[in-house]
N, C-alpha and C. Protein backbone atom coordinates (compact mmCIF):
# COMPACT_ATOMS: atom_id res chain seq x y z
N MET A 1 15.50 -37.94 -13.99
CA MET A 1 15.48 -36.98 -12.60
C MET A 1 16.55 -35.81 -12.97
N ARG A 2 17.60 -36.03 -13.38
CA ARG A 2 18.84 -34.88 -13.41
C ARG A 2 18.34 -33.72 -14.21
N LYS A 3 17.75 -34.35 -15.50
CA LYS A 3 16.90 -33.23 -16.37
C LYS A 3 16.22 -32.52 -15.61
N ASN A 4 15.24 -33.03 -15.06
CA ASN A 4 14.08 -32.24 -14.28
C ASN A 4 14.74 -31.32 -13.23
N LYS A 5 15.80 -31.68 -12.47
CA LYS A 5 16.55 -30.87 -11.48
C LYS A 5 17.29 -29.75 -12.15
N GLN A 6 17.45 -29.98 -13.36
CA GLN A 6 18.40 -28.62 -14.30
C GLN A 6 17.16 -27.63 -14.63
N HIS A 7 16.16 -28.48 -15.12
CA HIS A 7 15.22 -27.56 -15.73
C HIS A 7 14.76 -26.68 -14.39
N LEU A 8 14.54 -27.11 -13.60
CA LEU A 8 14.08 -26.28 -12.12
C LEU A 8 14.76 -25.50 -11.62
N LYS A 9 16.01 -25.75 -11.87
CA LYS A 9 17.18 -24.81 -11.36
C LYS A 9 17.31 -23.38 -12.45
N GLU A 10 17.16 -23.79 -13.46
CA GLU A 10 16.96 -23.06 -14.56
C GLU A 10 15.63 -22.03 -14.63
N HIS A 11 14.56 -22.73 -14.24
CA HIS A 11 13.42 -21.77 -14.02
C HIS A 11 13.45 -20.70 -12.69
N VAL A 12 13.84 -21.32 -11.92
CA VAL A 12 13.91 -20.45 -10.47
C VAL A 12 15.04 -19.29 -10.71
N LEU A 13 16.08 -19.77 -11.40
CA LEU A 13 17.03 -18.47 -11.50
C LEU A 13 16.51 -17.35 -12.69
N LYS A 14 15.68 -17.76 -13.50
CA LYS A 14 15.29 -16.89 -14.47
C LYS A 14 14.19 -15.97 -13.84
N ALA A 15 13.43 -16.64 -12.84
CA ALA A 15 12.12 -15.90 -12.20
C ALA A 15 13.09 -15.04 -11.06
N LEU A 16 13.94 -15.49 -10.57
CA LEU A 16 14.67 -14.36 -9.75
C LEU A 16 15.34 -13.46 -10.33
N GLY A 17 15.81 -13.76 -11.39
CA GLY A 17 16.44 -12.55 -12.28
C GLY A 17 15.22 -11.59 -12.70
N GLU A 18 14.37 -12.20 -13.11
CA GLU A 18 12.97 -11.29 -13.51
C GLU A 18 12.82 -10.50 -12.17
N ALA A 19 12.46 -10.94 -11.19
CA ALA A 19 12.20 -10.21 -9.94
C ALA A 19 13.08 -9.13 -9.44
N LEU A 20 14.25 -9.37 -9.66
CA LEU A 20 15.33 -8.20 -9.53
C LEU A 20 15.31 -7.34 -10.65
N ARG A 21 15.48 -7.64 -11.77
CA ARG A 21 15.01 -6.48 -12.98
C ARG A 21 14.10 -5.98 -12.54
N ASN A 22 12.59 -6.57 -12.27
CA ASN A 22 11.39 -5.83 -11.96
C ASN A 22 11.64 -4.64 -11.10
N ARG A 23 12.33 -4.96 -9.96
CA ARG A 23 12.34 -4.20 -8.92
C ARG A 23 13.27 -2.92 -9.28
N ARG A 24 14.43 -3.13 -9.99
CA ARG A 24 15.37 -2.18 -10.67
C ARG A 24 14.44 -1.45 -11.43
N VAL A 25 13.71 -1.56 -12.48
CA VAL A 25 13.09 -0.96 -13.16
C VAL A 25 11.92 0.03 -12.58
N GLU A 26 11.25 -0.46 -11.40
CA GLU A 26 10.35 0.21 -10.68
C GLU A 26 11.26 1.39 -10.01
N LEU A 27 12.48 1.24 -9.54
CA LEU A 27 13.11 2.19 -9.17
C LEU A 27 13.96 3.15 -10.08
N GLU A 28 13.69 2.69 -11.32
CA GLU A 28 14.21 3.34 -12.61
C GLU A 28 15.87 3.66 -12.42
N LEU A 29 16.51 2.67 -11.91
CA LEU A 29 17.72 2.48 -11.70
C LEU A 29 18.36 1.67 -13.00
N THR A 30 19.60 2.00 -13.56
CA THR A 30 20.44 1.00 -14.45
C THR A 30 21.01 0.12 -13.93
N GLN A 31 21.35 -1.09 -14.50
CA GLN A 31 22.01 -1.89 -14.23
C GLN A 31 23.52 -1.85 -13.48
N GLU A 32 24.19 -0.69 -14.14
CA GLU A 32 25.29 -0.08 -13.77
C GLU A 32 24.98 0.67 -12.29
N GLU A 33 24.34 1.34 -11.74
CA GLU A 33 24.05 1.79 -10.74
C GLU A 33 23.72 0.79 -9.86
N ILE A 34 23.01 -0.11 -10.12
CA ILE A 34 22.60 -1.40 -9.04
C ILE A 34 24.04 -1.98 -8.97
N GLY A 35 24.83 -2.39 -9.70
CA GLY A 35 26.35 -2.88 -9.78
C GLY A 35 27.11 -2.28 -8.70
N LYS A 36 27.13 -0.67 -9.23
CA LYS A 36 27.95 0.00 -8.17
C LYS A 36 27.50 0.00 -6.87
N ALA A 37 26.14 0.07 -6.49
CA ALA A 37 25.55 0.12 -5.15
C ALA A 37 25.97 -1.30 -4.51
N ALA A 38 25.99 -2.50 -5.04
CA ALA A 38 26.09 -3.72 -4.87
C ALA A 38 27.34 -4.53 -4.73
N ASP A 39 28.42 -3.33 -5.30
CA ASP A 39 30.07 -3.92 -5.66
C ASP A 39 30.00 -4.76 -6.58
N LEU A 40 29.18 -4.68 -7.51
CA LEU A 40 29.29 -6.15 -8.64
C LEU A 40 29.29 -5.39 -9.95
N HIS A 41 29.80 -5.91 -10.82
CA HIS A 41 30.11 -5.51 -12.45
C HIS A 41 28.76 -5.48 -12.91
N ARG A 42 28.48 -4.53 -13.97
CA ARG A 42 27.36 -4.60 -14.68
C ARG A 42 27.02 -5.76 -15.27
N THR A 43 27.85 -6.42 -15.89
CA THR A 43 27.49 -7.60 -16.84
C THR A 43 27.32 -8.59 -15.78
N TYR A 44 27.72 -8.72 -14.57
CA TYR A 44 27.40 -9.65 -13.65
C TYR A 44 25.75 -9.53 -13.45
N VAL A 45 25.21 -8.05 -13.18
CA VAL A 45 23.97 -8.09 -12.98
C VAL A 45 23.12 -8.44 -14.05
N THR A 46 23.49 -8.21 -15.44
CA THR A 46 23.07 -8.43 -16.53
C THR A 46 22.75 -9.98 -16.39
N ASP A 47 23.91 -10.91 -16.14
CA ASP A 47 23.67 -11.99 -16.00
C ASP A 47 22.63 -13.00 -14.78
N VAL A 48 22.70 -12.18 -14.04
CA VAL A 48 21.58 -12.47 -12.86
C VAL A 48 20.43 -12.18 -13.49
N GLU A 49 20.02 -11.12 -14.01
CA GLU A 49 18.66 -10.65 -14.48
C GLU A 49 18.40 -11.76 -15.66
N LYS A 50 19.11 -12.25 -16.30
CA LYS A 50 19.10 -13.07 -17.52
C LYS A 50 18.69 -14.74 -16.89
N GLY A 51 19.04 -14.89 -15.64
CA GLY A 51 18.95 -15.99 -15.14
C GLY A 51 19.91 -16.96 -15.41
N VAL A 52 21.10 -16.60 -15.69
CA VAL A 52 22.55 -17.51 -16.16
C VAL A 52 23.53 -17.52 -15.09
N ARG A 53 23.48 -16.62 -13.77
CA ARG A 53 24.53 -16.76 -12.73
C ARG A 53 23.19 -17.48 -11.68
N ASN A 54 24.03 -18.45 -11.01
CA ASN A 54 23.51 -19.02 -9.75
C ASN A 54 24.24 -18.19 -8.60
N LEU A 55 23.88 -16.95 -7.96
CA LEU A 55 24.59 -16.24 -7.17
C LEU A 55 24.37 -16.96 -5.77
N SER A 56 25.23 -16.13 -4.84
CA SER A 56 25.44 -16.81 -3.75
C SER A 56 24.48 -16.22 -2.71
N PHE A 57 24.16 -16.52 -1.49
CA PHE A 57 23.22 -15.77 -0.80
C PHE A 57 23.89 -14.30 -0.38
N LEU A 58 25.14 -14.28 -0.15
CA LEU A 58 25.46 -12.71 0.19
C LEU A 58 25.32 -12.17 -1.06
N THR A 59 25.51 -12.40 -2.00
CA THR A 59 25.62 -11.58 -3.03
C THR A 59 24.00 -11.12 -3.58
N LEU A 60 23.18 -11.90 -3.10
CA LEU A 60 21.65 -11.88 -3.23
C LEU A 60 21.44 -10.94 -2.15
N MET A 61 21.93 -10.88 -1.20
CA MET A 61 21.59 -9.88 -0.12
C MET A 61 22.10 -8.57 -0.28
N ARG A 62 23.04 -8.49 -0.88
CA ARG A 62 23.77 -7.23 -1.60
C ARG A 62 22.86 -6.40 -2.48
N LEU A 63 22.56 -7.35 -3.51
CA LEU A 63 21.55 -6.84 -4.39
C LEU A 63 20.29 -6.41 -3.84
N ALA A 64 19.79 -7.05 -2.86
CA ALA A 64 18.48 -6.62 -2.18
C ALA A 64 18.73 -5.57 -1.65
N THR A 65 20.10 -5.11 -0.86
CA THR A 65 19.90 -3.89 -0.16
C THR A 65 20.02 -2.79 -1.19
N ALA A 66 21.03 -3.10 -2.30
CA ALA A 66 20.95 -1.90 -3.49
C ALA A 66 19.75 -1.38 -4.10
N LEU A 67 18.43 -2.58 -3.86
CA LEU A 67 17.42 -2.12 -4.39
C LEU A 67 16.60 -2.08 -3.58
N LEU A 68 17.09 -1.52 -2.40
CA LEU A 68 16.34 -0.98 -1.47
C LEU A 68 15.15 -1.57 -0.92
N CYS A 69 15.20 -3.04 -0.55
CA CYS A 69 13.98 -3.77 -0.31
C CYS A 69 14.55 -5.17 0.44
N PRO A 70 13.66 -5.35 1.35
CA PRO A 70 14.16 -6.83 2.06
C PRO A 70 14.23 -7.99 0.96
N LEU A 71 15.09 -8.93 1.47
CA LEU A 71 15.23 -10.31 0.40
C LEU A 71 14.00 -10.73 0.20
N SER A 72 12.91 -10.70 1.33
CA SER A 72 11.79 -11.65 1.57
C SER A 72 10.85 -11.16 0.22
N LEU A 73 10.98 -9.94 -0.21
CA LEU A 73 10.09 -9.00 -1.00
C LEU A 73 10.44 -9.69 -2.41
N ILE A 74 11.82 -9.95 -2.65
CA ILE A 74 12.37 -10.37 -3.95
C ILE A 74 11.94 -11.77 -3.95
N MET A 75 11.99 -12.54 -2.71
CA MET A 75 11.40 -14.15 -3.14
C MET A 75 10.07 -14.21 -3.22
N ILE A 76 9.25 -13.27 -2.47
CA ILE A 76 7.71 -13.33 -2.92
C ILE A 76 7.45 -12.89 -4.23
N GLU A 77 8.28 -12.23 -4.68
CA GLU A 77 8.16 -11.91 -6.28
C GLU A 77 8.36 -13.14 -7.37
N LYS A 78 9.59 -13.55 -7.02
CA LYS A 78 10.05 -14.61 -7.70
C LYS A 78 8.90 -15.70 -7.52
N GLU A 79 8.42 -15.99 -6.78
CA GLU A 79 7.44 -17.14 -6.14
C GLU A 79 6.03 -16.84 -7.28
N LYS A 80 5.69 -15.39 -7.15
CA LYS A 80 4.56 -15.04 -8.15
C LYS A 80 4.96 -15.24 -9.62
N ILE A 81 6.18 -14.88 -9.92
CA ILE A 81 6.56 -15.14 -11.32
C ILE A 81 6.66 -16.70 -11.68
N LEU A 82 6.88 -17.56 -10.89
CA LEU A 82 7.08 -19.00 -11.09
C LEU A 82 5.70 -19.33 -11.11
N ASP A 83 4.71 -19.13 -9.99
CA ASP A 83 3.35 -19.59 -10.18
C ASP A 83 2.90 -19.02 -11.71
N SER A 84 3.04 -17.66 -11.99
CA SER A 84 2.35 -17.44 -13.23
C SER A 84 2.90 -17.97 -14.37
N TRP A 85 4.19 -18.80 -14.56
CA TRP A 85 4.60 -19.54 -15.47
C TRP A 85 3.79 -20.64 -15.57
N THR A 86 3.49 -21.36 -14.24
CA THR A 86 2.97 -22.48 -14.16
C THR A 86 1.48 -22.37 -14.67
N LEU A 87 0.92 -21.37 -14.40
CA LEU A 87 -0.64 -21.36 -14.97
C LEU A 87 -0.92 -21.09 -16.14
N ARG A 88 0.45 -20.59 -16.94
CA ARG A 88 0.20 -20.31 -18.25
C ARG A 88 0.35 -21.61 -19.05
N ARG A 89 0.80 -22.67 -18.58
CA ARG A 89 1.22 -24.45 -19.02
C ARG A 89 0.06 -24.72 -19.67
């Protein structure tokens, strides 16, 4: 059971990171620009996009604000990414 929870956590964080990266690329912004706008270091943004950071809700809100979109849009995109991964199995 514990292994399944860890696997799910990793998938969710990777999908969230991909959703955030997709939005950043759509806006043609660098990780450094987003980091500065969200008051985060570029390497932190890199880790979030890779799915290796379990960020807080407030940090996620800061990133969504820096990406000029509501958090709900990021969450919808994350779910679409997770669904696409499930369909590929």
